[in-house]
Amino acid sequence: MERDRSRIAAVIPAYQEEKHVGEVAQRTRAQLENVLVVDDGSTDTTAERARSSGVDVVIHPQNRGKGESIKTGLRYWLERGSEYVVLLDADGQHLPEEISRFVDSAASESNAKIFIGSRMNDTSAMPLVRRIVNRYMSGEISRVCGQQIPDTQCGFRMLHRDIIPEVLSGASRFEYETEMLIIASRKGHRVASVPISTVYSDEVSSINPVRDTMRFFKLMRRYRNL
């Protein structure tokens, strides 16, 4: 049964994404009535491009990290009564047209409150290094979560409003997406995977390979000891 999409909202965290954010926001708006771009202190025209697409925009006056941008968006739609919140990246790596896959999954998976995209069914378009890193990290995180999550590194997700207050703590930057899964799992929630397309184009990763890898290992060490 098709869910009422007026109660499903989207959050697009964005930092220095003037090249893609307008198109991503516009395509997302074609799928969902309620769309928010959180501009995390960009110095380019990210906010203006987003606004021109007819979506809501919240601006952080300074860069606070992807985790804080996601939390800002989750709070925004929780306060406005949304039943589900979809998270997707601003760089074009996630196809807004595939939001329907999450909606369909929520209709059939009545015992899941959090849904995460999985690109691991078709990795041919994924660079080899990313494929290896994703599989390694997903295996490690799955062990800490106590459940199998094939693609823990995917930012394309959907959360039910019941789970949002439980995941508003945690890290401020990229490792928050990992911590969200651990927190949800340890509170007894099942994480359902949704097959999505693998898309890589000209996006430039904002992840610092050294600093953010160190943050990841610190996070994993902390939760292994809990």
C-alpha atoms as a PDB file:
ATOM      1  CA  MET A   1       0.000   0.000   0.000  1.00  0.00           C
ATOM      2  CA  GLU A   2       1.396   3.412  -0.999  1.00  0.00           C
ATOM      3  CA  ARG A   3       2.140   5.611   1.979  1.00  0.00           C
ATOM      4  CA  ASP A   4       0.948   9.212   2.219  1.00  0.00           C
ATOM      5  CA  ARG A   5       3.981  11.036   0.802  1.00  0.00           C
ATOM      6  CA  SER A   6       2.901  14.339   2.367  1.00  0.00           C
ATOM      7  CA  ARG A   7       4.166  12.848   5.648  1.00  0.00           C
ATOM      8  CA  ILE A   8       7.531  11.871   4.186  1.00  0.00           C
ATOM      9  CA  ALA A   9      10.214  14.576   4.085  1.00  0.00           C
ATOM     10  CA  ALA A  10      13.780  14.747   2.780  1.00  0.00           C
ATOM     11  CA  VAL A  11      17.002  16.222   4.149  1.00  0.00           C
ATOM     12  CA  ILE A  12      19.904  17.039   1.856  1.00  0.00           C
ATOM     13  CA  PRO A  13      23.043  18.040   3.807  1.00  0.00           C
ATOM     14  CA  ALA A  14      25.258  20.191   1.607  1.00  0.00           C
ATOM     15  CA  TYR A  15      28.676  21.820   1.830  1.00  0.00           C
ATOM     16  CA  GLN A  16      30.198  23.622  -1.157  1.00  0.00           C
ATOM     17  CA  GLU A  17      27.786  21.811  -3.490  1.00  0.00           C
ATOM     18  CA  GLU A  18      26.732  24.629  -5.830  1.00  0.00           C
ATOM     19  CA  LYS A  19      27.388  22.432  -8.869  1.00  0.00           C
ATOM     20  CA  HIS A  20      24.863  19.700  -8.066  1.00  0.00           C
ATOM     21  CA  VAL A  21      22.579  20.768  -5.219  1.00  0.00           C
ATOM     22  CA  GLY A  22      20.050  22.614  -7.376  1.00  0.00           C
ATOM     23  CA  GLU A  23      19.363  19.642  -9.622  1.00  0.00           C
ATOM     24  CA  VAL A  24      19.349  17.154  -6.719  1.00  0.00           C
ATOM     25  CA  ALA A  25      16.916  19.339  -4.762  1.00  0.00           C
ATOM     26  CA  GLN A  26      14.657  19.808  -7.792  1.00  0.00           C
ATOM     27  CA  ARG A  27      14.536  16.078  -8.520  1.00  0.00           C
ATOM     28  CA  THR A  28      13.874  15.313  -4.870  1.00  0.00           C
ATOM     29  CA  ARG A  29      11.087  17.893  -4.836  1.00  0.00           C
ATOM     30  CA  ALA A  30       9.504  15.999  -7.732  1.00  0.00           C
ATOM     31  CA  GLN A  31       9.297  12.956  -5.447  1.00  0.00           C
ATOM     32  CA  LEU A  32       8.368  14.586  -2.138  1.00  0.00           C
ATOM     33  CA  GLU A  33       6.513  17.756  -1.223  1.00  0.00           C
ATOM     34  CA  ASN A  34       8.718  18.502   1.794  1.00  0.00           C
ATOM     35  CA  VAL A  35      12.427  18.907   1.088  1.00  0.00           C
ATOM     36  CA  LEU A  36      15.079  20.672   3.173  1.00  0.00           C
ATOM     37  CA  VAL A  37      18.649  21.525   2.197  1.00  0.00           C
ATOM     38  CA  VAL A  38      20.956  22.175   5.150  1.00  0.00           C
ATOM     39  CA  ASP A  39      23.819  24.371   3.953  1.00  0.00           C
ATOM     40  CA  ASP A  40      26.683  23.674   6.344  1.00  0.00           C
ATOM     41  CA  GLY A  41      28.459  27.030   6.174  1.00  0.00           C
ATOM     42  CA  SER A  42      29.264  26.974   2.445  1.00  0.00           C
ATOM     43  CA  THR A  43      31.125  29.946   0.972  1.00  0.00           C
ATOM     44  CA  ASP A  44      29.813  29.334  -2.560  1.00  0.00           C
ATOM     45  CA  THR A  45      26.259  29.640  -3.915  1.00  0.00           C
ATOM     46  CA  THR A  46      24.961  26.362  -2.448  1.00  0.00           C
ATOM     47  CA  ALA A  47      22.127  28.056  -0.519  1.00  0.00           C
ATOM     48  CA  GLU A  48      21.031  30.192  -3.481  1.00  0.00           C
ATOM     49  CA  ARG A  49      20.983  27.220  -5.856  1.00  0.00           C
ATOM     50  CA  ALA A  50      18.931  25.224  -3.365  1.00  0.00           C
ATOM     51  CA  ARG A  51      16.419  28.037  -2.813  1.00  0.00           C
ATOM     52  CA  SER A  52      15.963  28.459  -6.564  1.00  0.00           C
ATOM     53  CA  SER A  53      14.701  24.862  -6.635  1.00  0.00           C
ATOM     54  CA  GLY A  54      11.787  25.766  -4.388  1.00  0.00           C
ATOM     55  CA  VAL A  55      12.868  23.782  -1.316  1.00  0.00           C
ATOM     56  CA  ASP A  56      13.337  24.859   2.300  1.00  0.00           C
ATOM     57  CA  VAL A  57      16.863  25.935   3.244  1.00  0.00           C
ATOM     58  CA  VAL A  58      18.549  26.182   6.643  1.00  0.00           C
ATOM     59  CA  ILE A  59      22.045  27.678   6.806  1.00  0.00           C
ATOM     60  CA  HIS A  60      24.659  26.951   9.445  1.00  0.00           C
ATOM     61  CA  PRO A  61      26.627  30.198   9.887  1.00  0.00           C
ATOM     62  CA  GLN A  62      29.826  28.142  10.013  1.00  0.00           C
ATOM     63  CA  ASN A  63      30.819  24.627   9.023  1.00  0.00           C
ATOM     64  CA  ARG A  64      29.748  22.188  11.738  1.00  0.00           C
ATOM     65  CA  GLY A  65      30.101  18.847   9.973  1.00  0.00           C
ATOM     66  CA  LYS A  66      27.828  16.476   8.072  1.00  0.00           C
ATOM     67  CA  GLY A  67      26.572  14.842  11.260  1.00  0.00           C
ATOM     68  CA  GLU A  68      25.333  18.164  12.630  1.00  0.00           C
ATOM     69  CA  SER A  69      23.708  18.992   9.281  1.00  0.00           C
ATOM     70  CA  ILE A  70      21.804  15.705   9.348  1.00  0.00           C
ATOM     71  CA  LYS A  71      20.698  16.306  12.943  1.00  0.00           C
ATOM     72  CA  THR A  72      19.522  19.824  12.066  1.00  0.00           C
ATOM     73  CA  GLY A  73      17.396  18.346   9.278  1.00  0.00           C
ATOM     74  CA  LEU A  74      16.011  15.518  11.402  1.00  0.00           C
ATOM     75  CA  ARG A  75      14.948  17.970  14.139  1.00  0.00           C
ATOM     76  CA  TYR A  76      13.406  20.281  11.527  1.00  0.00           C
ATOM     77  CA  TRP A  77      11.042  17.617  10.167  1.00  0.00           C
ATOM     78  CA  LEU A  78      10.409  15.962  13.529  1.00  0.00           C
ATOM     79  CA  GLU A  79       9.072  19.302  14.803  1.00  0.00           C
ATOM     80  CA  ARG A  80       6.838  19.549  11.734  1.00  0.00           C
ATOM     81  CA  GLY A  81       5.217  16.154  12.235  1.00  0.00           C
ATOM     82  CA  SER A  82       6.782  14.136   9.417  1.00  0.00           C
ATOM     83  CA  GLU A  83       6.367  10.378   9.743  1.00  0.00           C
ATOM     84  CA  TYR A  84       9.505   9.445   7.796  1.00  0.00           C
ATOM     85  CA  VAL A  85      12.637  11.416   6.888  1.00  0.00           C
ATOM     86  CA  VAL A  86      14.779  10.508   3.884  1.00  0.00           C
ATOM     87  CA  LEU A  87      18.479  11.434   3.882  1.00  0.00           C
ATOM     88  CA  LEU A  88      20.384  11.802   0.633  1.00  0.00           C
ATOM     89  CA  ASP A  89      23.592  13.474  -0.480  1.00  0.00           C
ATOM     90  CA  ALA A  90      23.786  16.699  -2.480  1.00  0.00           C
ATOM     91  CA  ASP A  91      26.475  15.554  -4.927  1.00  0.00           C
ATOM     92  CA  GLY A  92      24.272  13.453  -7.219  1.00  0.00           C
ATOM     93  CA  GLN A  93      25.503  10.082  -5.938  1.00  0.00           C
ATOM     94  CA  HIS A  94      21.977   9.158  -4.826  1.00  0.00           C
ATOM     95  CA  LEU A  95      19.078   9.070  -7.278  1.00  0.00           C
ATOM     96  CA  PRO A  96      16.022  10.883  -5.865  1.00  0.00           C
ATOM     97  CA  GLU A  97      13.870   8.775  -8.171  1.00  0.00           C
ATOM     98  CA  GLU A  98      14.773   5.770  -6.004  1.00  0.00           C
ATOM     99  CA  ILE A  99      13.084   7.238  -2.928  1.00  0.00           C
ATOM    100  CA  SER A 100      10.145   5.061  -3.991  1.00  0.00           C
ATOM    101  CA  ARG A 101      12.220   1.994  -3.126  1.00  0.00           C
ATOM    102  CA  PHE A 102      12.449   3.164   0.490  1.00  0.00           C
ATOM    103  CA  VAL A 103       8.747   3.979   0.617  1.00  0.00           C
ATOM    104  CA  ASP A 104       7.887   0.526  -0.743  1.00  0.00           C
ATOM    105  CA  SER A 105      10.261  -1.120   1.711  1.00  0.00           C
ATOM    106  CA  ALA A 106       8.647   0.693   4.648  1.00  0.00           C
ATOM    107  CA  ALA A 107       5.255  -0.553   3.494  1.00  0.00           C
ATOM    108  CA  SER A 108       6.431  -4.172   3.512  1.00  0.00           C
ATOM    109  CA  GLU A 109       8.888  -4.114   6.453  1.00  0.00           C
ATOM    110  CA  SER A 110       6.596  -3.336   9.374  1.00  0.00           C
ATOM    111  CA  ASN A 111       9.216  -4.210  12.002  1.00  0.00           C
ATOM    112  CA  ALA A 112      11.954  -1.862  10.749  1.00  0.00           C
ATOM    113  CA  LYS A 113      12.318   1.810  11.658  1.00  0.00           C
ATOM    114  CA  ILE A 114      15.504   2.567   9.761  1.00  0.00           C
ATOM    115  CA  PHE A 115      16.261   1.798   6.123  1.00  0.00           C
ATOM    116  CA  ILE A 116      19.640   2.109   4.433  1.00  0.00           C
ATOM    117  CA  GLY A 117      20.547   1.908   0.775  1.00  0.00           C
ATOM    118  CA  SER A 118      22.773  -0.910  -0.420  1.00  0.00           C
ATOM    119  CA  ARG A 119      24.930  -0.598  -3.538  1.00  0.00           C
ATOM    120  CA  MET A 120      26.542  -3.994  -3.006  1.00  0.00           C
ATOM    121  CA  ASN A 121      24.222  -5.897  -5.364  1.00  0.00           C
ATOM    122  CA  ASP A 122      26.005  -4.251  -8.291  1.00  0.00           C
ATOM    123  CA  THR A 123      29.469  -2.917  -7.520  1.00  0.00           C
ATOM    124  CA  SER A 124      30.715  -2.757 -11.122  1.00  0.00           C
ATOM    125  CA  ALA A 125      30.423   1.048 -11.143  1.00  0.00           C
ATOM    126  CA  MET A 126      32.145   1.420  -7.764  1.00  0.00           C
ATOM    127  CA  PRO A 127      35.890   2.202  -7.792  1.00  0.00           C
ATOM    128  CA  LEU A 128      37.892  -0.812  -6.588  1.00  0.00           C
ATOM    129  CA  VAL A 129      39.405   0.929  -3.570  1.00  0.00           C
ATOM    130  CA  ARG A 130      35.990   2.105  -2.376  1.00  0.00           C
ATOM    131  CA  ARG A 131      34.570  -1.377  -2.899  1.00  0.00           C
ATOM    132  CA  ILE A 132      37.278  -2.925  -0.716  1.00  0.00           C
ATOM    133  CA  VAL A 133      36.986  -0.222   1.971  1.00  0.00           C
ATOM    134  CA  ASN A 134      33.170  -0.421   1.994  1.00  0.00           C
ATOM    135  CA  ARG A 135      33.177  -4.192   2.407  1.00  0.00           C
ATOM    136  CA  TYR A 136      35.765  -4.061   5.185  1.00  0.00           C
ATOM    137  CA  MET A 137      34.049  -1.251   7.087  1.00  0.00           C
ATOM    138  CA  SER A 138      30.592  -2.760   6.630  1.00  0.00           C
ATOM    139  CA  GLY A 139      31.841  -6.050   8.062  1.00  0.00           C
ATOM    140  CA  GLU A 140      33.371  -4.336  11.096  1.00  0.00           C
ATOM    141  CA  ILE A 141      30.341  -2.135  11.741  1.00  0.00           C
ATOM    142  CA  SER A 142      27.939  -5.066  11.286  1.00  0.00           C
ATOM    143  CA  ARG A 143      29.791  -6.937  14.038  1.00  0.00           C
ATOM    144  CA  VAL A 144      29.503  -3.980  16.415  1.00  0.00           C
ATOM    145  CA  CYS A 145      25.821  -3.558  15.489  1.00  0.00           C
ATOM    146  CA  GLY A 146      25.066  -7.237  15.980  1.00  0.00           C
ATOM    147  CA  GLN A 147      23.276  -7.497  12.647  1.00  0.00           C
ATOM    148  CA  GLN A 148      24.259  -7.756   8.987  1.00  0.00           C
ATOM    149  CA  ILE A 149      24.251  -4.395   7.167  1.00  0.00           C
ATOM    150  CA  PRO A 150      25.708  -4.858   3.651  1.00  0.00           C
ATOM    151  CA  ASP A 151      26.531  -1.197   2.901  1.00  0.00           C
ATOM    152  CA  THR A 152      27.017   0.779   6.112  1.00  0.00           C
ATOM    153  CA  GLN A 153      28.803   3.565   4.218  1.00  0.00           C
ATOM    154  CA  CYS A 154      25.736   4.540   2.194  1.00  0.00           C
ATOM    155  CA  GLY A 155      24.244   7.914   3.146  1.00  0.00           C
ATOM    156  CA  PHE A 156      20.938   7.276   1.345  1.00  0.00           C
ATOM    157  CA  ARG A 157      18.586   6.385   4.230  1.00  0.00           C
ATOM    158  CA  MET A 158      15.085   6.710   5.629  1.00  0.00           C
ATOM    159  CA  LEU A 159      14.163   6.951   9.309  1.00  0.00           C
ATOM    160  CA  HIS A 160      10.808   6.668  11.058  1.00  0.00           C
ATOM    161  CA  ARG A 161      10.014   9.540  13.430  1.00  0.00           C
ATOM    162  CA  ASP A 162       9.981   7.141  16.410  1.00  0.00           C
ATOM    163  CA  ILE A 163      13.696   6.482  16.046  1.00  0.00           C
ATOM    164  CA  ILE A 164      14.837  10.066  15.394  1.00  0.00           C
ATOM    165  CA  PRO A 165      15.039  11.247  19.050  1.00  0.00           C
ATOM    166  CA  GLU A 166      17.185   8.199  19.827  1.00  0.00           C
ATOM    167  CA  VAL A 167      19.827   9.049  17.215  1.00  0.00           C
ATOM    168  CA  LEU A 168      20.169  12.801  17.760  1.00  0.00           C
ATOM    169  CA  SER A 169      23.217  12.284  19.963  1.00  0.00           C
ATOM    170  CA  GLY A 170      26.548  11.178  18.593  1.00  0.00           C
ATOM    171  CA  ALA A 171      29.370  12.560  16.482  1.00  0.00           C
ATOM    172  CA  SER A 172      29.286  15.786  14.514  1.00  0.00           C
ATOM    173  CA  ARG A 173      31.064  14.799  11.309  1.00  0.00           C
ATOM    174  CA  PHE A 174      31.122  11.906   8.834  1.00  0.00           C
ATOM    175  CA  GLU A 175      31.382   9.217  11.505  1.00  0.00           C
ATOM    176  CA  TYR A 176      27.886  10.168  12.693  1.00  0.00           C
ATOM    177  CA  GLU A 177      26.377   8.093   9.874  1.00  0.00           C
ATOM    178  CA  THR A 178      28.126   5.043  11.314  1.00  0.00           C
ATOM    179  CA  GLU A 179      27.247   5.920  14.895  1.00  0.00           C
ATOM    180  CA  MET A 180      23.578   6.301  13.972  1.00  0.00           C
ATOM    181  CA  LEU A 181      23.498   2.633  12.927  1.00  0.00           C
ATOM    182  CA  ILE A 182      25.251   1.489  16.095  1.00  0.00           C
ATOM    183  CA  ILE A 183      22.953   3.504  18.374  1.00  0.00           C
ATOM    184  CA  ALA A 184      19.828   2.240  16.582  1.00  0.00           C
ATOM    185  CA  SER A 185      21.046  -1.369  16.659  1.00  0.00           C
ATOM    186  CA  ARG A 186      21.918  -1.259  20.349  1.00  0.00           C
ATOM    187  CA  LYS A 187      18.472   0.058  21.127  1.00  0.00           C
ATOM    188  CA  GLY A 188      17.052  -3.060  19.525  1.00  0.00           C
ATOM    189  CA  HIS A 189      16.088  -1.707  16.090  1.00  0.00           C
ATOM    190  CA  ARG A 190      16.499  -3.759  12.942  1.00  0.00           C
ATOM    191  CA  VAL A 191      18.195  -1.973  10.040  1.00  0.00           C
ATOM    192  CA  ALA A 192      16.578  -2.918   6.712  1.00  0.00           C
ATOM    193  CA  SER A 193      18.613  -2.686   3.493  1.00  0.00           C
ATOM    194  CA  VAL A 194      17.166  -1.269   0.277  1.00  0.00           C
ATOM    195  CA  PRO A 195      18.889  -2.040  -3.071  1.00  0.00           C
ATOM    196  CA  ILE A 196      19.874   1.178  -4.872  1.00  0.00           C
ATOM    197  CA  SER A 197      21.953   2.116  -7.900  1.00  0.00           C
ATOM    198  CA  THR A 198      25.687   2.737  -7.704  1.00  0.00           C
ATOM    199  CA  VAL A 199      26.455   6.187  -9.110  1.00  0.00           C
ATOM    200  CA  TYR A 200      29.886   7.797  -9.337  1.00  0.00           C
ATOM    201  CA  SER A 201      30.496  10.836 -11.514  1.00  0.00           C
ATOM    202  CA  ASP A 202      32.541  13.986 -10.893  1.00  0.00           C
ATOM    203  CA  GLU A 203      31.755  14.447  -7.205  1.00  0.00           C
ATOM    204  CA  VAL A 204      34.705  15.342  -4.974  1.00  0.00           C
ATOM    205  CA  SER A 205      34.653  13.691  -1.572  1.00  0.00           C
ATOM    206  CA  SER A 206      34.764  15.987   1.462  1.00  0.00           C
ATOM    207  CA  ILE A 207      36.160  13.137   3.558  1.00  0.00           C
ATOM    208  CA  ASN A 208      39.713  13.676   4.805  1.00  0.00           C
ATOM    209  CA  PRO A 209      41.300  10.211   4.351  1.00  0.00           C
ATOM    210  CA  VAL A 210      43.591  10.449   7.393  1.00  0.00           C
ATOM    211  CA  ARG A 211      41.577  12.498   9.872  1.00  0.00           C
ATOM    212  CA  ASP A 212      38.208  10.855   9.167  1.00  0.00           C
ATOM    213  CA  THR A 213      39.694   7.340   9.151  1.00  0.00           C
ATOM    214  CA  MET A 214      41.167   8.041  12.592  1.00  0.00           C
ATOM    215  CA  ARG A 215      37.753   9.244  13.787  1.00  0.00           C
ATOM    216  CA  PHE A 216      36.188   6.042  12.490  1.00  0.00           C
ATOM    217  CA  PHE A 217      38.655   3.793  14.328  1.00  0.00           C
ATOM    218  CA  LYS A 218      38.255   5.795  17.559  1.00  0.00           C
ATOM    219  CA  LEU A 219      34.487   5.403  17.260  1.00  0.00           C
ATOM    220  CA  MET A 220      34.727   1.662  16.660  1.00  0.00           C
ATOM    221  CA  ARG A 221      37.154   1.190  19.574  1.00  0.00           C
ATOM    222  CA  ARG A 222      34.818   3.074  21.910  1.00  0.00           C
ATOM    223  CA  TYR A 223      31.759   0.976  21.000  1.00  0.00           C
ATOM    224  CA  ARG A 224      33.653  -2.323  21.090  1.00  0.00           C
ATOM    225  CA  ASN A 225      34.486  -1.560  24.707  1.00  0.00           C
ATOM    226  CA  LEU A 226      30.870  -0.795  25.691  1.00  0.00           C
END
